[in-house]
PDB file of all heavy atoms in Angstrom:
ATOM      1  N   ILE A   1     -14.418 -11.623  -6.301  1.00  0.00           N
ATOM      2  CA  ILE A   1     -13.029 -11.660  -5.821  1.00  0.00           C
ATOM      3  C   ILE A   1     -12.088 -11.015  -6.804  1.00  0.00           C
ATOM      4  O   ILE A   1     -11.182 -10.300  -6.452  1.00  0.00           O
ATOM      5  CB  ILE A   1     -12.596 -13.133  -5.531  1.00  0.00           C
ATOM      6  CG1 ILE A   1     -13.438 -13.717  -4.394  1.00  0.00           C
ATOM      7  CG2 ILE A   1     -11.132 -13.211  -5.187  1.00  0.00           C
ATOM      8  CD1 ILE A   1     -13.294 -13.010  -3.044  1.00  0.00           C
ATOM      9  N   SER A   2     -12.354 -11.286  -8.078  1.00  0.00           N
ATOM     10  CA  SER A   2     -11.544 -10.688  -9.158  1.00  0.00           C
ATOM     11  C   SER A   2     -11.580  -9.142  -9.172  1.00  0.00           C
ATOM     12  O   SER A   2     -10.520  -8.528  -9.267  1.00  0.00           O
ATOM     13  CB  SER A   2     -11.954 -11.253 -10.511  1.00  0.00           C
ATOM     14  OG  SER A   2     -11.330 -10.612 -11.562  1.00  0.00           O
ATOM     15  N   LYS A   3     -12.801  -8.645  -8.989  1.00  0.00           N
ATOM     16  CA  LYS A   3     -12.981  -7.196  -9.038  1.00  0.00           C
ATOM     17  C   LYS A   3     -12.472  -6.507  -7.757  1.00  0.00           C
ATOM     18  O   LYS A   3     -11.920  -5.429  -7.819  1.00  0.00           O
ATOM     19  CB  LYS A   3     -14.495  -6.863  -9.252  1.00  0.00           C
ATOM     20  CG  LYS A   3     -15.023  -7.254 -10.572  1.00  0.00           C
ATOM     21  CD  LYS A   3     -14.397  -6.472 -11.706  1.00  0.00           C
ATOM     22  CE  LYS A   3     -15.016  -6.863 -13.047  1.00  0.00           C
ATOM     23  NZ  LYS A   3     -14.336  -6.211 -14.215  1.00  0.00           N
ATOM     24  N   LEU A   4     -12.596  -7.234  -6.631  1.00  0.00           N
ATOM     25  CA  LEU A   4     -12.079  -6.763  -5.365  1.00  0.00           C
ATOM     26  C   LEU A   4     -10.511  -6.618  -5.428  1.00  0.00           C
ATOM     27  O   LEU A   4      -9.902  -5.672  -4.977  1.00  0.00           O
ATOM     28  CB  LEU A   4     -12.497  -7.614  -4.193  1.00  0.00           C
ATOM     29  CG  LEU A   4     -12.120  -7.072  -2.825  1.00  0.00           C
ATOM     30  CD1 LEU A   4     -12.671  -5.733  -2.499  1.00  0.00           C
ATOM     31  CD2 LEU A   4     -12.643  -8.119  -1.742  1.00  0.00           C
ATOM     32  N   SER A   5      -9.916  -7.665  -6.018  1.00  0.00           N
ATOM     33  CA  SER A   5      -8.440  -7.688  -6.184  1.00  0.00           C
ATOM     34  C   SER A   5      -8.019  -6.550  -7.092  1.00  0.00           C
ATOM     35  O   SER A   5      -7.034  -5.863  -6.862  1.00  0.00           O
ATOM     36  CB  SER A   5      -7.969  -8.987  -6.780  1.00  0.00           C
ATOM     37  OG  SER A   5      -8.283 -10.082  -5.887  1.00  0.00           O
ATOM     38  N   GLY A   6      -8.752  -6.322  -8.185  1.00  0.00           N
ATOM     39  CA  GLY A   6      -8.484  -5.279  -9.132  1.00  0.00           C
ATOM     40  C   GLY A   6      -8.632  -3.907  -8.502  1.00  0.00           C
ATOM     41  O   GLY A   6      -7.829  -2.968  -8.767  1.00  0.00           O
ATOM     42  N   PHE A   7      -9.604  -3.761  -7.602  1.00  0.00           N
ATOM     43  CA  PHE A   7      -9.847  -2.530  -6.845  1.00  0.00           C
ATOM     44  C   PHE A   7      -8.583  -2.182  -6.058  1.00  0.00           C
ATOM     45  O   PHE A   7      -8.018  -1.073  -6.125  1.00  0.00           O
ATOM     46  CB  PHE A   7     -11.001  -2.699  -5.944  1.00  0.00           C
ATOM     47  CG  PHE A   7     -11.247  -1.613  -4.915  1.00  0.00           C
ATOM     48  CD1 PHE A   7     -11.805  -0.412  -5.237  1.00  0.00           C
ATOM     49  CD2 PHE A   7     -10.819  -1.792  -3.590  1.00  0.00           C
ATOM     50  CE1 PHE A   7     -12.028   0.556  -4.274  1.00  0.00           C
ATOM     51  CE2 PHE A   7     -11.017  -0.848  -2.636  1.00  0.00           C
ATOM     52  CZ  PHE A   7     -11.632   0.351  -3.013  1.00  0.00           C
ATOM     53  N   TYR A   8      -8.024  -3.158  -5.291  1.00  0.00           N
ATOM     54  CA  TYR A   8      -6.835  -2.969  -4.427  1.00  0.00           C
ATOM     55  C   TYR A   8      -5.608  -2.718  -5.323  1.00  0.00           C
ATOM     56  O   TYR A   8      -4.707  -2.007  -4.913  1.00  0.00           O
ATOM     57  CB  TYR A   8      -6.675  -4.052  -3.448  1.00  0.00           C
ATOM     58  CG  TYR A   8      -7.523  -3.861  -2.221  1.00  0.00           C
ATOM     59  CD1 TYR A   8      -8.628  -4.593  -1.934  1.00  0.00           C
ATOM     60  CD2 TYR A   8      -7.128  -2.842  -1.258  1.00  0.00           C
ATOM     61  CE1 TYR A   8      -9.431  -4.409  -0.799  1.00  0.00           C
ATOM     62  CE2 TYR A   8      -7.908  -2.628  -0.108  1.00  0.00           C
ATOM     63  CZ  TYR A   8      -9.006  -3.404   0.102  1.00  0.00           C
ATOM     64  OH  TYR A   8      -9.807  -3.205   1.251  1.00  0.00           O
ATOM     65  N   GLU A   9      -5.585  -3.361  -6.416  1.00  0.00           N
ATOM     66  CA  GLU A   9      -4.414  -3.248  -7.280  1.00  0.00           C
ATOM     67  C   GLU A   9      -4.243  -1.786  -7.770  1.00  0.00           C
ATOM     68  O   GLU A   9      -3.127  -1.224  -7.834  1.00  0.00           O
ATOM     69  CB  GLU A   9      -4.605  -4.161  -8.523  1.00  0.00           C
ATOM     70  CG  GLU A   9      -3.359  -4.277  -9.430  1.00  0.00           C
ATOM     71  CD  GLU A   9      -3.639  -5.237 -10.565  1.00  0.00           C
ATOM     72  OE1 GLU A   9      -4.087  -6.343 -10.332  1.00  0.00           O
ATOM     73  OE2 GLU A   9      -3.276  -4.887 -11.706  1.00  0.00           O
ATOM     74  N   ILE A  10      -5.412  -1.143  -8.046  1.00  0.00           N
ATOM     75  CA  ILE A  10      -5.369   0.242  -8.555  1.00  0.00           C
ATOM     76  C   ILE A  10      -5.088   1.182  -7.402  1.00  0.00           C
ATOM     77  O   ILE A  10      -4.216   2.076  -7.453  1.00  0.00           O
ATOM     78  CB  ILE A  10      -6.684   0.595  -9.217  1.00  0.00           C
ATOM     79  CG1 ILE A  10      -6.911  -0.145 -10.550  1.00  0.00           C
ATOM     80  CG2 ILE A  10      -6.811   2.138  -9.476  1.00  0.00           C
ATOM     81  CD1 ILE A  10      -6.000   0.253 -11.652  1.00  0.00           C
ATOM     82  N   VAL A  11      -5.808   1.048  -6.284  1.00  0.00           N
ATOM     83  CA  VAL A  11      -5.656   2.025  -5.173  1.00  0.00           C
ATOM     84  C   VAL A  11      -4.291   1.943  -4.475  1.00  0.00           C
ATOM     85  O   VAL A  11      -3.891   2.930  -3.815  1.00  0.00           O
ATOM     86  CB  VAL A  11      -6.772   1.879  -4.101  1.00  0.00           C
ATOM     87  CG1 VAL A  11      -8.168   2.086  -4.764  1.00  0.00           C
ATOM     88  CG2 VAL A  11      -6.726   0.573  -3.391  1.00  0.00           C
ATOM     89  N   GLU A  12      -3.622   0.836  -4.605  1.00  0.00           N
ATOM     90  CA  GLU A  12      -2.309   0.673  -4.014  1.00  0.00           C
ATOM     91  C   GLU A  12      -1.157   1.127  -4.895  1.00  0.00           C
ATOM     92  O   GLU A  12       0.017   1.083  -4.479  1.00  0.00           O
ATOM     93  CB  GLU A  12      -2.058  -0.768  -3.528  1.00  0.00           C
ATOM     94  CG  GLU A  12      -2.936  -1.115  -2.335  1.00  0.00           C
ATOM     95  CD  GLU A  12      -2.973  -2.587  -1.957  1.00  0.00           C
ATOM     96  OE1 GLU A  12      -2.253  -3.386  -2.667  1.00  0.00           O
ATOM     97  OE2 GLU A  12      -3.650  -2.996  -1.050  1.00  0.00           O
ATOM     98  N   ARG A  13      -1.483   1.559  -6.135  1.00  0.00           N
ATOM     99  CA  ARG A  13      -0.452   2.026  -7.078  1.00  0.00           C
ATOM    100  C   ARG A  13       0.079   3.360  -6.575  1.00  0.00           C
ATOM    101  O   ARG A  13      -0.644   4.134  -5.958  1.00  0.00           O
ATOM    102  CB  ARG A  13      -1.048   2.209  -8.476  1.00  0.00           C
ATOM    103  CG  ARG A  13      -1.152   0.939  -9.228  1.00  0.00           C
ATOM    104  CD  ARG A  13      -1.549   1.092 -10.684  1.00  0.00           C
ATOM    105  NE  ARG A  13      -2.005   2.406 -11.082  1.00  0.00           N
ATOM    106  CZ  ARG A  13      -2.725   2.552 -12.262  1.00  0.00           C
ATOM    107  NH1 ARG A  13      -3.004   1.542 -12.985  1.00  0.00           N
ATOM    108  NH2 ARG A  13      -3.083   3.784 -12.596  1.00  0.00           N
ATOM    109  N   SER A  14       1.354   3.658  -6.815  1.00  0.00           N
ATOM    110  CA  SER A  14       2.015   4.859  -6.347  1.00  0.00           C
ATOM    111  C   SER A  14       1.420   6.158  -6.934  1.00  0.00           C
ATOM    112  O   SER A  14       1.439   7.232  -6.300  1.00  0.00           O
ATOM    113  CB  SER A  14       3.482   4.794  -6.685  1.00  0.00           C
ATOM    114  OG  SER A  14       3.696   4.698  -8.085  1.00  0.00           O
ATOM    115  N   ASP A  15       0.837   6.019  -8.132  1.00  0.00           N
ATOM    116  CA  ASP A  15       0.245   7.232  -8.740  1.00  0.00           C
ATOM    117  C   ASP A  15      -1.194   7.480  -8.442  1.00  0.00           C
ATOM    118  O   ASP A  15      -1.815   8.434  -8.885  1.00  0.00           O
ATOM    119  CB  ASP A  15       0.431   7.170 -10.302  1.00  0.00           C
ATOM    120  CG  ASP A  15      -0.300   5.950 -10.894  1.00  0.00           C
ATOM    121  OD1 ASP A  15      -0.651   4.964 -10.172  1.00  0.00           O
ATOM    122  OD2 ASP A  15      -0.532   5.950 -12.132  1.00  0.00           O
ATOM    123  N   PHE A  16      -1.720   6.621  -7.608  1.00  0.00           N
ATOM    124  CA  PHE A  16      -3.179   6.788  -7.142  1.00  0.00           C
ATOM    125  C   PHE A  16      -3.164   7.867  -6.025  1.00  0.00           C
ATOM    126  O   PHE A  16      -2.359   7.774  -5.101  1.00  0.00           O
ATOM    127  CB  PHE A  16      -3.794   5.513  -6.686  1.00  0.00           C
ATOM    128  CG  PHE A  16      -5.316   5.612  -6.494  1.00  0.00           C
ATOM    129  CD1 PHE A  16      -6.131   5.505  -7.654  1.00  0.00           C
ATOM    130  CD2 PHE A  16      -5.900   5.754  -5.300  1.00  0.00           C
ATOM    131  CE1 PHE A  16      -7.514   5.592  -7.515  1.00  0.00           C
ATOM    132  CE2 PHE A  16      -7.240   5.887  -5.134  1.00  0.00           C
ATOM    133  CZ  PHE A  16      -8.071   5.746  -6.305  1.00  0.00           C
ATOM    134  N   PRO A  17      -4.117   8.860  -6.112  1.00  0.00           N
ATOM    135  CA  PRO A  17      -4.095   9.884  -5.042  1.00  0.00           C
ATOM    136  C   PRO A  17      -4.262   9.326  -3.667  1.00  0.00           C
ATOM    137  O   PRO A  17      -4.899   8.312  -3.406  1.00  0.00           O
ATOM    138  CB  PRO A  17      -5.432  10.684  -5.411  1.00  0.00           C
ATOM    139  CG  PRO A  17      -5.582  10.474  -6.803  1.00  0.00           C
ATOM    140  CD  PRO A  17      -5.154   9.054  -7.078  1.00  0.00           C
ATOM    141  N   LYS A  18      -3.621   9.970  -2.690  1.00  0.00           N
ATOM    142  CA  LYS A  18      -3.494   9.396  -1.340  1.00  0.00           C
ATOM    143  C   LYS A  18      -3.987  10.426  -0.256  1.00  0.00           C
ATOM    144  O   LYS A  18      -3.469  10.353   0.872  1.00  0.00           O
ATOM    145  CB  LYS A  18      -2.073   8.995  -1.019  1.00  0.00           C
ATOM    146  CG  LYS A  18      -1.454   7.906  -1.884  1.00  0.00           C
ATOM    147  CD  LYS A  18      -2.100   6.514  -1.646  1.00  0.00           C
ATOM    148  CE  LYS A  18      -1.364   5.406  -2.343  1.00  0.00           C
ATOM    149  NZ  LYS A  18      -1.368   5.408  -3.777  1.00  0.00           N
ATOM    150  N   ASP A  19      -4.896  11.298  -0.577  1.00  0.00           N
ATOM    151  CA  ASP A  19      -5.337  12.256   0.444  1.00  0.00           C
ATOM    152  C   ASP A  19      -6.278  11.564   1.443  1.00  0.00           C
ATOM    153  O   ASP A  19      -6.659  10.386   1.270  1.00  0.00           O
ATOM    154  CB  ASP A  19      -5.949  13.493  -0.146  1.00  0.00           C
ATOM    155  CG  ASP A  19      -7.321  13.186  -0.923  1.00  0.00           C
ATOM    156  OD1 ASP A  19      -8.093  12.388  -0.460  1.00  0.00           O
ATOM    157  OD2 ASP A  19      -7.471  13.730  -1.994  1.00  0.00           O
ATOM    158  N   GLU A  20      -6.613  12.333   2.520  1.00  0.00           N
ATOM    159  CA  GLU A  20      -7.407  11.743   3.702  1.00  0.00           C
ATOM    160  C   GLU A  20      -8.799  11.252   3.209  1.00  0.00           C
ATOM    161  O   GLU A  20      -9.297  10.187   3.662  1.00  0.00           O
ATOM    162  CB  GLU A  20      -7.548  12.755   4.767  1.00  0.00           C
ATOM    163  CG  GLU A  20      -6.269  13.067   5.535  1.00  0.00           C
ATOM    164  CD  GLU A  20      -5.511  14.257   4.957  1.00  0.00           C
ATOM    165  OE1 GLU A  20      -5.688  14.512   3.765  1.00  0.00           O
ATOM    166  OE2 GLU A  20      -4.805  14.924   5.723  1.00  0.00           O
ATOM    167  N   ASN A  21      -9.416  12.018   2.337  1.00  0.00           N
ATOM    168  CA  ASN A  21     -10.766  11.669   1.836  1.00  0.00           C
ATOM    169  C   ASN A  21     -10.694  10.365   1.088  1.00  0.00           C
ATOM    170  O   ASN A  21     -11.516   9.450   1.291  1.00  0.00           O
ATOM    171  CB  ASN A  21     -11.331  12.757   0.963  1.00  0.00           C
ATOM    172  CG  ASN A  21     -12.711  12.469   0.470  1.00  0.00           C
ATOM    173  OD1 ASN A  21     -13.577  12.053   1.264  1.00  0.00           O
ATOM    174  ND2 ASN A  21     -12.964  12.698  -0.829  1.00  0.00           N
ATOM    175  N   VAL A  22      -9.721  10.237   0.173  1.00  0.00           N
ATOM    176  CA  VAL A  22      -9.574   9.029  -0.591  1.00  0.00           C
ATOM    177  C   VAL A  22      -9.261   7.836   0.322  1.00  0.00           C
ATOM    178  O   VAL A  22      -9.807   6.714   0.190  1.00  0.00           O
ATOM    179  CB  VAL A  22      -8.476   9.178  -1.669  1.00  0.00           C
ATOM    180  CG1 VAL A  22      -8.071   7.860  -2.260  1.00  0.00           C
ATOM    181  CG2 VAL A  22      -8.906  10.128  -2.767  1.00  0.00           C
ATOM    182  N   ALA A  23      -8.349   8.041   1.278  1.00  0.00           N
ATOM    183  CA  ALA A  23      -7.993   6.961   2.220  1.00  0.00           C
ATOM    184  C   ALA A  23      -9.213   6.465   3.009  1.00  0.00           C
ATOM    185  O   ALA A  23      -9.342   5.269   3.178  1.00  0.00           O
ATOM    186  CB  ALA A  23      -6.880   7.515   3.187  1.00  0.00           C
ATOM    187  N   SER A  24     -10.091   7.351   3.411  1.00  0.00           N
ATOM    188  CA  SER A  24     -11.229   6.921   4.215  1.00  0.00           C
ATOM    189  C   SER A  24     -12.190   6.160   3.319  1.00  0.00           C
ATOM    190  O   SER A  24     -12.823   5.202   3.822  1.00  0.00           O
ATOM    191  CB  SER A  24     -11.933   8.178   4.832  1.00  0.00           C
ATOM    192  OG  SER A  24     -12.449   9.020   3.843  1.00  0.00           O
ATOM    193  N   LEU A  25     -12.309   6.554   2.041  1.00  0.00           N
ATOM    194  CA  LEU A  25     -13.213   5.834   1.150  1.00  0.00           C
ATOM    195  C   LEU A  25     -12.655   4.435   0.806  1.00  0.00           C
ATOM    196  O   LEU A  25     -13.395   3.423   0.715  1.00  0.00           O
ATOM    197  CB  LEU A  25     -13.450   6.570  -0.135  1.00  0.00           C
ATOM    198  CG  LEU A  25     -14.329   7.865   0.033  1.00  0.00           C
ATOM    199  CD1 LEU A  25     -14.378   8.630  -1.277  1.00  0.00           C
ATOM    200  CD2 LEU A  25     -15.743   7.560   0.516  1.00  0.00           C
ATOM    201  N   VAL A  26     -11.315   4.352   0.657  1.00  0.00           N
ATOM    202  CA  VAL A  26     -10.701   3.055   0.411  1.00  0.00           C
ATOM    203  C   VAL A  26     -10.913   2.135   1.539  1.00  0.00           C
ATOM    204  O   VAL A  26     -11.275   0.944   1.365  1.00  0.00           O
ATOM    205  CB  VAL A  26      -9.186   3.193   0.103  1.00  0.00           C
ATOM    206  CG1 VAL A  26      -8.504   1.852   0.093  1.00  0.00           C
ATOM    207  CG2 VAL A  26      -8.940   3.926  -1.194  1.00  0.00           C
ATOM    208  N   PHE A  27     -10.770   2.663   2.773  1.00  0.00           N
ATOM    209  CA  PHE A  27     -11.085   1.863   4.016  1.00  0.00           C
ATOM    210  C   PHE A  27     -12.486   1.448   4.010  1.00  0.00           C
ATOM    211  O   PHE A  27     -12.850   0.267   4.272  1.00  0.00           O
ATOM    212  CB  PHE A  27     -10.784   2.715   5.247  1.00  0.00           C
ATOM    213  CG  PHE A  27     -11.456   2.208   6.508  1.00  0.00           C
ATOM    214  CD1 PHE A  27     -10.967   1.119   7.154  1.00  0.00           C
ATOM    215  CD2 PHE A  27     -12.615   2.791   6.946  1.00  0.00           C
ATOM    216  CE1 PHE A  27     -11.608   0.608   8.260  1.00  0.00           C
ATOM    217  CE2 PHE A  27     -13.310   2.332   8.082  1.00  0.00           C
ATOM    218  CZ  PHE A  27     -12.761   1.196   8.743  1.00  0.00           C
ATOM    219  N   LEU A  28     -13.450   2.372   3.731  1.00  0.00           N
ATOM    220  CA  LEU A  28     -14.884   2.101   3.820  1.00  0.00           C
ATOM    221  C   LEU A  28     -15.304   1.041   2.859  1.00  0.00           C
ATOM    222  O   LEU A  28     -15.869  -0.004   3.230  1.00  0.00           O
ATOM    223  CB  LEU A  28     -15.646   3.394   3.580  1.00  0.00           C
ATOM    224  CG  LEU A  28     -17.129   3.411   3.793  1.00  0.00           C
ATOM    225  CD1 LEU A  28     -17.474   3.303   5.216  1.00  0.00           C
ATOM    226  CD2 LEU A  28     -17.758   4.691   3.245  1.00  0.00           C
ATOM    227  N   TYR A  29     -15.043   1.291   1.540  1.00  0.00           N
ATOM    228  CA  TYR A  29     -15.473   0.341   0.527  1.00  0.00           C
ATOM    229  C   TYR A  29     -14.743  -0.952   0.562  1.00  0.00           C
ATOM    230  O   TYR A  29     -15.285  -2.040   0.411  1.00  0.00           O
ATOM    231  CB  TYR A  29     -15.345   0.998  -0.880  1.00  0.00           C
ATOM    232  CG  TYR A  29     -16.134   2.281  -1.017  1.00  0.00           C
ATOM    233  CD1 TYR A  29     -15.648   3.314  -1.903  1.00  0.00           C
ATOM    234  CD2 TYR A  29     -17.341   2.487  -0.375  1.00  0.00           C
ATOM    235  CE1 TYR A  29     -16.403   4.456  -2.062  1.00  0.00           C
ATOM    236  CE2 TYR A  29     -18.080   3.634  -0.538  1.00  0.00           C
ATOM    237  CZ  TYR A  29     -17.568   4.641  -1.374  1.00  0.00           C
ATOM    238  OH  TYR A  29     -18.312   5.791  -1.579  1.00  0.00           O
ATOM    239  N   GLY A  30     -13.447  -0.876   0.766  1.00  0.00           N
ATOM    240  CA  GLY A  30     -12.631  -2.095   0.794  1.00  0.00           C
ATOM    241  C   GLY A  30     -13.092  -3.041   1.886  1.00  0.00           C
ATOM    242  O   GLY A  30     -13.275  -4.243   1.681  1.00  0.00           O
TER     243      GLY A  30
END
């Protein structure tokens, strides 16, 4: 749970890349 929260904390930051490929992987793994 701690690592999953950390994962979302990083990917939801404004400076994290937001292209379509990254978005699909965030959806998939998350």
